[in-house]
Amino acid sequence: MSLVHILIYLYIWVLVVAALMSWLPSSSSWDSVRRSLDRVTEPLLRPLRRILPRPRLGGVGIDLSVLVAIILLEIVNRII
């Protein structure tokens, strides 16, 4: 497995952790971790959020950008 494949898988895990942390209540002990994860993930997620519609489920908009980003990264990983 090449370094590029490892970095892609690592980034996928960072996306998963960031998504899971977004469900947790805000806490001062986790704020620095959350900000660091946002700094790493937002350059990929922000353009996807602009393009993707936010489906509504029970009056709540669902952010599918993380799921789409993971799928795109998996496709890129298999092509490389």
PDB file of N, CA and C in Angstrom:
ATOM      1  N   MET A   1       0.854  -1.184   0.000  1.00  0.00           N
ATOM      2  CA  MET A   1       0.000   0.000   0.000  1.00  0.00           C
ATOM      3  C   MET A   1       0.894   1.239   0.000  1.00  0.00           C
ATOM      4  N   SER A   2       0.600   2.161  -0.903  1.00  0.00           N
ATOM      5  CA  SER A   2       1.445   3.346  -1.031  1.00  0.00           C
ATOM      6  C   SER A   2       1.073   4.406   0.010  1.00  0.00           C
ATOM      7  N   LEU A   3       1.931   5.379   0.116  1.00  0.00           N
ATOM      8  CA  LEU A   3       1.719   6.467   1.065  1.00  0.00           C
ATOM      9  C   LEU A   3       0.438   7.244   0.741  1.00  0.00           C
ATOM     10  N   VAL A   4       0.137   7.406  -0.538  1.00  0.00           N
ATOM     11  CA  VAL A   4      -1.083   8.136  -0.943  1.00  0.00           C
ATOM     12  C   VAL A   4      -2.329   7.401  -0.454  1.00  0.00           C
ATOM     13  N   HIS A   5      -2.339   6.086  -0.592  1.00  0.00           N
ATOM     14  CA  HIS A   5      -3.478   5.302  -0.123  1.00  0.00           C
ATOM     15  C   HIS A   5      -3.638   5.435   1.395  1.00  0.00           C
ATOM     16  N   ILE A   6      -2.545   5.377   2.091  1.00  0.00           N
ATOM     17  CA  ILE A   6      -2.589   5.514   3.557  1.00  0.00           C
ATOM     18  C   ILE A   6      -3.115   6.886   3.947  1.00  0.00           C
ATOM     19  N   LEU A   7      -2.659   7.933   3.269  1.00  0.00           N
ATOM     20  CA  LEU A   7      -3.121   9.288   3.585  1.00  0.00           C
ATOM     21  C   LEU A   7      -4.605   9.466   3.286  1.00  0.00           C
ATOM     22  N   ILE A   8      -5.076   8.856   2.209  1.00  0.00           N
ATOM     23  CA  ILE A   8      -6.504   8.942   1.892  1.00  0.00           C
ATOM     24  C   ILE A   8      -7.324   8.249   2.967  1.00  0.00           C
ATOM     25  N   TYR A   9      -6.909   7.056   3.378  1.00  0.00           N
ATOM     26  CA  TYR A   9      -7.639   6.355   4.432  1.00  0.00           C
ATOM     27  C   TYR A   9      -7.581   7.118   5.758  1.00  0.00           C
ATOM     28  N   LEU A  10      -6.453   7.716   6.047  1.00  0.00           N
ATOM     29  CA  LEU A  10      -6.336   8.516   7.264  1.00  0.00           C
ATOM     30  C   LEU A  10      -7.280   9.712   7.214  1.00  0.00           C
ATOM     31  N   TYR A  11      -7.368  10.365   6.057  1.00  0.00           N
ATOM     32  CA  TYR A  11      -8.266  11.504   5.907  1.00  0.00           C
ATOM     33  C   TYR A  11      -9.726  11.080   6.033  1.00  0.00           C
ATOM     34  N   ILE A  12     -10.055   9.898   5.529  1.00  0.00           N
ATOM     35  CA  ILE A  12     -11.416   9.379   5.683  1.00  0.00           C
ATOM     36  C   ILE A  12     -11.741   9.218   7.157  1.00  0.00           C
ATOM     37  N   TRP A  13     -10.811   8.684   7.927  1.00  0.00           N
ATOM     38  CA  TRP A  13     -11.050   8.524   9.364  1.00  0.00           C
ATOM     39  C   TRP A  13     -11.171   9.877  10.074  1.00  0.00           C
ATOM     40  N   VAL A  14     -10.406  10.857   9.621  1.00  0.00           N
ATOM     41  CA  VAL A  14     -10.529  12.200  10.192  1.00  0.00           C
ATOM     42  C   VAL A  14     -11.921  12.754   9.905  1.00  0.00           C
ATOM     43  N   LEU A  15     -12.435  12.521   8.700  1.00  0.00           N
ATOM     44  CA  LEU A  15     -13.793  12.949   8.365  1.00  0.00           C
ATOM     45  C   LEU A  15     -14.829  12.268   9.256  1.00  0.00           C
ATOM     46  N   VAL A  16     -14.661  10.986   9.489  1.00  0.00           N
ATOM     47  CA  VAL A  16     -15.603  10.242  10.338  1.00  0.00           C
ATOM     48  C   VAL A  16     -15.561  10.776  11.766  1.00  0.00           C
ATOM     49  N   VAL A  17     -14.378  10.983  12.304  1.00  0.00           N
ATOM     50  CA  VAL A  17     -14.254  11.492  13.671  1.00  0.00           C
ATOM     51  C   VAL A  17     -14.854  12.894  13.779  1.00  0.00           C
ATOM     52  N   ALA A  18     -14.591  13.743  12.783  1.00  0.00           N
ATOM     53  CA  ALA A  18     -15.155  15.100  12.798  1.00  0.00           C
ATOM     54  C   ALA A  18     -16.677  15.061  12.752  1.00  0.00           C
ATOM     55  N   ALA A  19     -17.231  14.159  11.939  1.00  0.00           N
ATOM     56  CA  ALA A  19     -18.691  14.037  11.857  1.00  0.00           C
ATOM     57  C   ALA A  19     -19.269  13.565  13.188  1.00  0.00           C
ATOM     58  N   LEU A  20     -18.633  12.591  13.799  1.00  0.00           N
ATOM     59  CA  LEU A  20     -19.124  12.096  15.096  1.00  0.00           C
ATOM     60  C   LEU A  20     -19.016  13.162  16.179  1.00  0.00           C
ATOM     61  N   MET A  21     -17.930  13.927  16.154  1.00  0.00           N
ATOM     62  CA  MET A  21     -17.767  14.981  17.163  1.00  0.00           C
ATOM     63  C   MET A  21     -18.776  16.104  16.981  1.00  0.00           C
ATOM     64  N   SER A  22     -19.274  16.278  15.759  1.00  0.00           N
ATOM     65  CA  SER A  22     -20.259  17.339  15.545  1.00  0.00           C
ATOM     66  C   SER A  22     -21.581  17.015  16.234  1.00  0.00           C
ATOM     67  N   TRP A  23     -21.807  15.760  16.564  1.00  0.00           N
ATOM     68  CA  TRP A  23     -23.028  15.366  17.260  1.00  0.00           C
ATOM     69  C   TRP A  23     -22.915  15.577  18.762  1.00  0.00           C
ATOM     70  N   LEU A  24     -21.693  15.712  19.282  1.00  0.00           N
ATOM     71  CA  LEU A  24     -21.497  15.874  20.718  1.00  0.00           C
ATOM     72  C   LEU A  24     -21.758  17.319  21.132  1.00  0.00           C
ATOM     73  N   PRO A  25     -22.218  17.498  22.365  1.00  0.00           N
ATOM     74  CA  PRO A  25     -22.405  18.874  22.831  1.00  0.00           C
ATOM     75  C   PRO A  25     -21.061  19.594  22.945  1.00  0.00           C
ATOM     76  N   SER A  26     -21.097  20.890  22.783  1.00  0.00           N
ATOM     77  CA  SER A  26     -19.878  21.689  22.852  1.00  0.00           C
ATOM     78  C   SER A  26     -19.286  21.628  24.254  1.00  0.00           C
ATOM     79  N   SER A  27     -17.984  21.432  24.307  1.00  0.00           N
ATOM     80  CA  SER A  27     -17.278  21.353  25.578  1.00  0.00           C
ATOM     81  C   SER A  27     -15.931  22.032  25.405  1.00  0.00           C
ATOM     82  N   SER A  28     -15.512  22.782  26.408  1.00  0.00           N
ATOM     83  CA  SER A  28     -14.246  23.509  26.295  1.00  0.00           C
ATOM     84  C   SER A  28     -13.059  22.562  26.162  1.00  0.00           C
ATOM     85  N   SER A  29     -13.180  21.357  26.698  1.00  0.00           N
ATOM     86  CA  SER A  29     -12.061  20.423  26.606  1.00  0.00           C
ATOM     87  C   SER A  29     -11.901  19.857  25.196  1.00  0.00           C
ATOM     88  N   TRP A  30     -12.968  19.844  24.395  1.00  0.00           N
ATOM     89  CA  TRP A  30     -12.914  19.300  23.041  1.00  0.00           C
ATOM     90  C   TRP A  30     -12.868  20.371  21.963  1.00  0.00           C
ATOM     91  N   ASP A  31     -13.010  21.647  22.345  1.00  0.00           N
ATOM     92  CA  ASP A  31     -13.073  22.716  21.350  1.00  0.00           C
ATOM     93  C   ASP A  31     -11.816  22.808  20.491  1.00  0.00           C
ATOM     94  N   SER A  32     -10.645  22.631  21.084  1.00  0.00           N
ATOM     95  CA  SER A  32      -9.409  22.723  20.300  1.00  0.00           C
ATOM     96  C   SER A  32      -9.305  21.563  19.305  1.00  0.00           C
ATOM     97  N   VAL A  33      -9.759  20.379  19.710  1.00  0.00           N
ATOM     98  CA  VAL A  33      -9.750  19.230  18.809  1.00  0.00           C
ATOM     99  C   VAL A  33     -10.734  19.471  17.675  1.00  0.00           C
ATOM    100  N   ARG A  34     -11.907  19.957  18.018  1.00  0.00           N
ATOM    101  CA  ARG A  34     -12.936  20.219  17.009  1.00  0.00           C
ATOM    102  C   ARG A  34     -12.471  21.280  16.009  1.00  0.00           C
ATOM    103  N   ARG A  35     -11.829  22.345  16.502  1.00  0.00           N
ATOM    104  CA  ARG A  35     -11.313  23.388  15.606  1.00  0.00           C
ATOM    105  C   ARG A  35     -10.230  22.832  14.688  1.00  0.00           C
ATOM    106  N   SER A  36      -9.364  21.987  15.222  1.00  0.00           N
ATOM    107  CA  SER A  36      -8.309  21.380  14.404  1.00  0.00           C
ATOM    108  C   SER A  36      -8.907  20.487  13.320  1.00  0.00           C
ATOM    109  N   LEU A  37      -9.899  19.698  13.685  1.00  0.00           N
ATOM    110  CA  LEU A  37     -10.555  18.840  12.701  1.00  0.00           C
ATOM    111  C   LEU A  37     -11.263  19.681  11.639  1.00  0.00           C
ATOM    112  N   ASP A  38     -11.894  20.762  12.050  1.00  0.00           N
ATOM    113  CA  ASP A  38     -12.563  21.649  11.091  1.00  0.00           C
ATOM    114  C   ASP A  38     -11.562  22.256  10.115  1.00  0.00           C
ATOM    115  N   ARG A  39     -10.395  22.652  10.619  1.00  0.00           N
ATOM    116  CA  ARG A  39      -9.367  23.225   9.761  1.00  0.00           C
ATOM    117  C   ARG A  39      -8.907  22.239   8.689  1.00  0.00           C
ATOM    118  N   VAL A  40      -8.894  20.966   9.033  1.00  0.00           N
ATOM    119  CA  VAL A  40      -8.430  19.934   8.104  1.00  0.00           C
ATOM    120  C   VAL A  40      -9.541  19.506   7.145  1.00  0.00           C
ATOM    121  N   THR A  41     -10.777  19.447   7.609  1.00  0.00           N
ATOM    122  CA  THR A  41     -11.857  18.887   6.792  1.00  0.00           C
ATOM    123  C   THR A  41     -12.623  19.936   5.977  1.00  0.00           C
ATOM    124  N   GLU A  42     -12.695  21.153   6.435  1.00  0.00           N
ATOM    125  CA  GLU A  42     -13.504  22.170   5.745  1.00  0.00           C
ATOM    126  C   GLU A  42     -13.062  22.479   4.326  1.00  0.00           C
ATOM    127  N   PRO A  43     -11.769  22.449   3.984  1.00  0.00           N
ATOM    128  CA  PRO A  43     -11.405  22.715   2.583  1.00  0.00           C
ATOM    129  C   PRO A  43     -12.049  21.734   1.594  1.00  0.00           C
ATOM    130  N   LEU A  44     -12.335  20.535   2.002  1.00  0.00           N
ATOM    131  CA  LEU A  44     -13.016  19.578   1.136  1.00  0.00           C
ATOM    132  C   LEU A  44     -14.531  19.671   1.286  1.00  0.00           C
ATOM    133  N   LEU A  45     -15.012  19.851   2.496  1.00  0.00           N
ATOM    134  CA  LEU A  45     -16.454  19.810   2.746  1.00  0.00           C
ATOM    135  C   LEU A  45     -17.183  21.080   2.318  1.00  0.00           C
ATOM    136  N   ARG A  46     -16.548  22.224   2.454  1.00  0.00           N
ATOM    137  CA  ARG A  46     -17.227  23.491   2.137  1.00  0.00           C
ATOM    138  C   ARG A  46     -17.710  23.546   0.689  1.00  0.00           C
ATOM    139  N   PRO A  47     -16.868  23.207  -0.307  1.00  0.00           N
ATOM    140  CA  PRO A  47     -17.382  23.226  -1.691  1.00  0.00           C
ATOM    141  C   PRO A  47     -18.493  22.202  -1.920  1.00  0.00           C
ATOM    142  N   LEU A  48     -18.405  21.055  -1.272  1.00  0.00           N
ATOM    143  CA  LEU A  48     -19.457  20.049  -1.414  1.00  0.00           C
ATOM    144  C   LEU A  48     -20.767  20.546  -0.823  1.00  0.00           C
ATOM    145  N   ARG A  49     -20.700  21.251   0.297  1.00  0.00           N
ATOM    146  CA  ARG A  49     -21.920  21.787   0.917  1.00  0.00           C
ATOM    147  C   ARG A  49     -22.592  22.819   0.032  1.00  0.00           C
ATOM    148  N   ARG A  50     -21.784  23.578  -0.739  1.00  0.00           N
ATOM    149  CA  ARG A  50     -22.361  24.566  -1.652  1.00  0.00           C
ATOM    150  C   ARG A  50     -23.098  23.897  -2.804  1.00  0.00           C
ATOM    151  N   ILE A  51     -22.592  22.748  -3.249  1.00  0.00           N
ATOM    152  CA  ILE A  51     -23.165  22.059  -4.404  1.00  0.00           C
ATOM    153  C   ILE A  51     -24.358  21.196  -4.018  1.00  0.00           C
ATOM    154  N   LEU A  52     -24.239  20.466  -2.919  1.00  0.00           N
ATOM    155  CA  LEU A  52     -25.256  19.475  -2.543  1.00  0.00           C
ATOM    156  C   LEU A  52     -26.481  20.125  -1.912  1.00  0.00           C
ATOM    157  N   PRO A  53     -27.659  19.654  -2.280  1.00  0.00           N
ATOM    158  CA  PRO A  53     -28.854  20.116  -1.566  1.00  0.00           C
ATOM    159  C   PRO A  53     -28.894  19.479  -0.176  1.00  0.00           C
ATOM    160  N   ARG A  54     -29.548  20.152   0.752  1.00  0.00           N
ATOM    161  CA  ARG A  54     -29.694  19.599   2.103  1.00  0.00           C
ATOM    162  C   ARG A  54     -31.095  19.025   2.242  1.00  0.00           C
ATOM    163  N   PRO A  55     -31.215  17.690   2.131  1.00  0.00           N
ATOM    164  CA  PRO A  55     -32.546  17.096   2.289  1.00  0.00           C
ATOM    165  C   PRO A  55     -33.076  17.345   3.696  1.00  0.00           C
ATOM    166  N   ARG A  56     -34.383  17.532   3.797  1.00  0.00           N
ATOM    167  CA  ARG A  56     -35.004  17.791   5.099  1.00  0.00           C
ATOM    168  C   ARG A  56     -35.643  16.519   5.602  1.00  0.00           C
ATOM    169  N   LEU A  57     -35.393  16.237   6.856  1.00  0.00           N
ATOM    170  CA  LEU A  57     -35.972  15.071   7.509  1.00  0.00           C
ATOM    171  C   LEU A  57     -36.558  15.538   8.832  1.00  0.00           C
ATOM    172  N   GLY A  58     -37.860  15.622   8.892  1.00  0.00           N
ATOM    173  CA  GLY A  58     -38.505  16.084  10.113  1.00  0.00           C
ATOM    174  C   GLY A  58     -38.177  17.520  10.452  1.00  0.00           C
ATOM    175  N   GLY A  59     -37.984  18.358   9.443  1.00  0.00           N
ATOM    176  CA  GLY A  59     -37.687  19.766   9.691  1.00  0.00           C
ATOM    177  C   GLY A  59     -36.216  20.049   9.931  1.00  0.00           C
ATOM    178  N   VAL A  60     -35.378  19.026   9.879  1.00  0.00           N
ATOM    179  CA  VAL A  60     -33.949  19.199  10.116  1.00  0.00           C
ATOM    180  C   VAL A  60     -33.209  18.923   8.812  1.00  0.00           C
ATOM    181  N   GLY A  61     -32.310  19.832   8.428  1.00  0.00           N
ATOM    182  CA  GLY A  61     -31.509  19.627   7.229  1.00  0.00           C
ATOM    183  C   GLY A  61     -30.382  18.647   7.509  1.00  0.00           C
ATOM    184  N   ILE A  62     -30.206  17.698   6.603  1.00  0.00           N
ATOM    185  CA  ILE A  62     -29.173  16.682   6.783  1.00  0.00           C
ATOM    186  C   ILE A  62     -27.987  17.028   5.894  1.00  0.00           C
ATOM    187  N   ASP A  63     -26.797  17.062   6.487  1.00  0.00           N
ATOM    188  CA  ASP A  63     -25.576  17.366   5.765  1.00  0.00           C
ATOM    189  C   ASP A  63     -24.979  16.066   5.235  1.00  0.00           C
ATOM    190  N   LEU A  64     -25.053  15.897   3.913  1.00  0.00           N
ATOM    191  CA  LEU A  64     -24.538  14.683   3.285  1.00  0.00           C
ATOM    192  C   LEU A  64     -23.116  14.860   2.749  1.00  0.00           C
ATOM    193  N   SER A  65     -22.496  16.005   3.012  1.00  0.00           N
ATOM    194  CA  SER A  65     -21.189  16.288   2.435  1.00  0.00           C
ATOM    195  C   SER A  65     -20.117  15.304   2.899  1.00  0.00           C
ATOM    196  N   VAL A  66     -20.175  14.866   4.142  1.00  0.00           N
ATOM    197  CA  VAL A  66     -19.176  13.911   4.640  1.00  0.00           C
ATOM    198  C   VAL A  66     -19.315  12.577   3.916  1.00  0.00           C
ATOM    199  N   LEU A  67     -20.525  12.118   3.737  1.00  0.00           N
ATOM    200  CA  LEU A  67     -20.763  10.860   3.035  1.00  0.00           C
ATOM    201  C   LEU A  67     -20.279  10.943   1.587  1.00  0.00           C
ATOM    202  N   VAL A  68     -20.603  12.034   0.914  1.00  0.00           N
ATOM    203  CA  VAL A  68     -20.174  12.213  -0.473  1.00  0.00           C
ATOM    204  C   VAL A  68     -18.652  12.311  -0.551  1.00  0.00           C
ATOM    205  N   ALA A  69     -18.034  13.014   0.391  1.00  0.00           N
ATOM    206  CA  ALA A  69     -16.570  13.139   0.405  1.00  0.00           C
ATOM    207  C   ALA A  69     -15.907  11.773   0.574  1.00  0.00           C
ATOM    208  N   ILE A  70     -16.443  10.949   1.463  1.00  0.00           N
ATOM    209  CA  ILE A  70     -15.880   9.615   1.669  1.00  0.00           C
ATOM    210  C   ILE A  70     -16.015   8.774   0.404  1.00  0.00           C
ATOM    211  N   ILE A  71     -17.168   8.840  -0.238  1.00  0.00           N
ATOM    212  CA  ILE A  71     -17.363   8.085  -1.480  1.00  0.00           C
ATOM    213  C   ILE A  71     -16.386   8.564  -2.556  1.00  0.00           C
ATOM    214  N   LEU A  72     -16.236   9.874  -2.705  1.00  0.00           N
ATOM    215  CA  LEU A  72     -15.301  10.406  -3.698  1.00  0.00           C
ATOM    216  C   LEU A  72     -13.865   9.998  -3.399  1.00  0.00           C
ATOM    217  N   LEU A  73     -13.481  10.050  -2.125  1.00  0.00           N
ATOM    218  CA  LEU A  73     -12.125   9.639  -1.755  1.00  0.00           C
ATOM    219  C   LEU A  73     -11.885   8.160  -2.023  1.00  0.00           C
ATOM    220  N   GLU A  74     -12.902   7.334  -1.778  1.00  0.00           N
ATOM    221  CA  GLU A  74     -12.783   5.907  -2.072  1.00  0.00           C
ATOM    222  C   GLU A  74     -12.626   5.681  -3.575  1.00  0.00           C
ATOM    223  N   ILE A  75     -13.370   6.418  -4.381  1.00  0.00           N
ATOM    224  CA  ILE A  75     -13.244   6.296  -5.841  1.00  0.00           C
ATOM    225  C   ILE A  75     -11.843   6.695  -6.286  1.00  0.00           C
ATOM    226  N   VAL A  76     -11.375   7.830  -5.789  1.00  0.00           N
ATOM    227  CA  VAL A  76     -10.022   8.287  -6.136  1.00  0.00           C
ATOM    228  C   VAL A  76      -8.984   7.258  -5.693  1.00  0.00           C
ATOM    229  N   ASN A  77      -9.166   6.706  -4.512  1.00  0.00           N
ATOM    230  CA  ASN A  77      -8.227   5.730  -3.974  1.00  0.00           C
ATOM    231  C   ASN A  77      -8.171   4.477  -4.852  1.00  0.00           C
ATOM    232  N   ARG A  78      -9.290   4.072  -5.385  1.00  0.00           N
ATOM    233  CA  ARG A  78      -9.308   2.875  -6.238  1.00  0.00           C
ATOM    234  C   ARG A  78      -8.758   3.154  -7.633  1.00  0.00           C
ATOM    235  N   ILE A  79      -8.918   4.389  -8.108  1.00  0.00           N
ATOM    236  CA  ILE A  79      -8.392   4.749  -9.422  1.00  0.00           C
ATOM    237  C   ILE A  79      -6.871   4.852  -9.405  1.00  0.00           C
ATOM    238  N   ILE A  80      -6.337   5.360  -8.316  1.00  0.00           N
ATOM    239  CA  ILE A  80      -4.880   5.573  -8.211  1.00  0.00           C
ATOM    240  C   ILE A  80      -4.141   4.251  -8.195  1.00  0.00           C
TER     241      ILE A  80
END
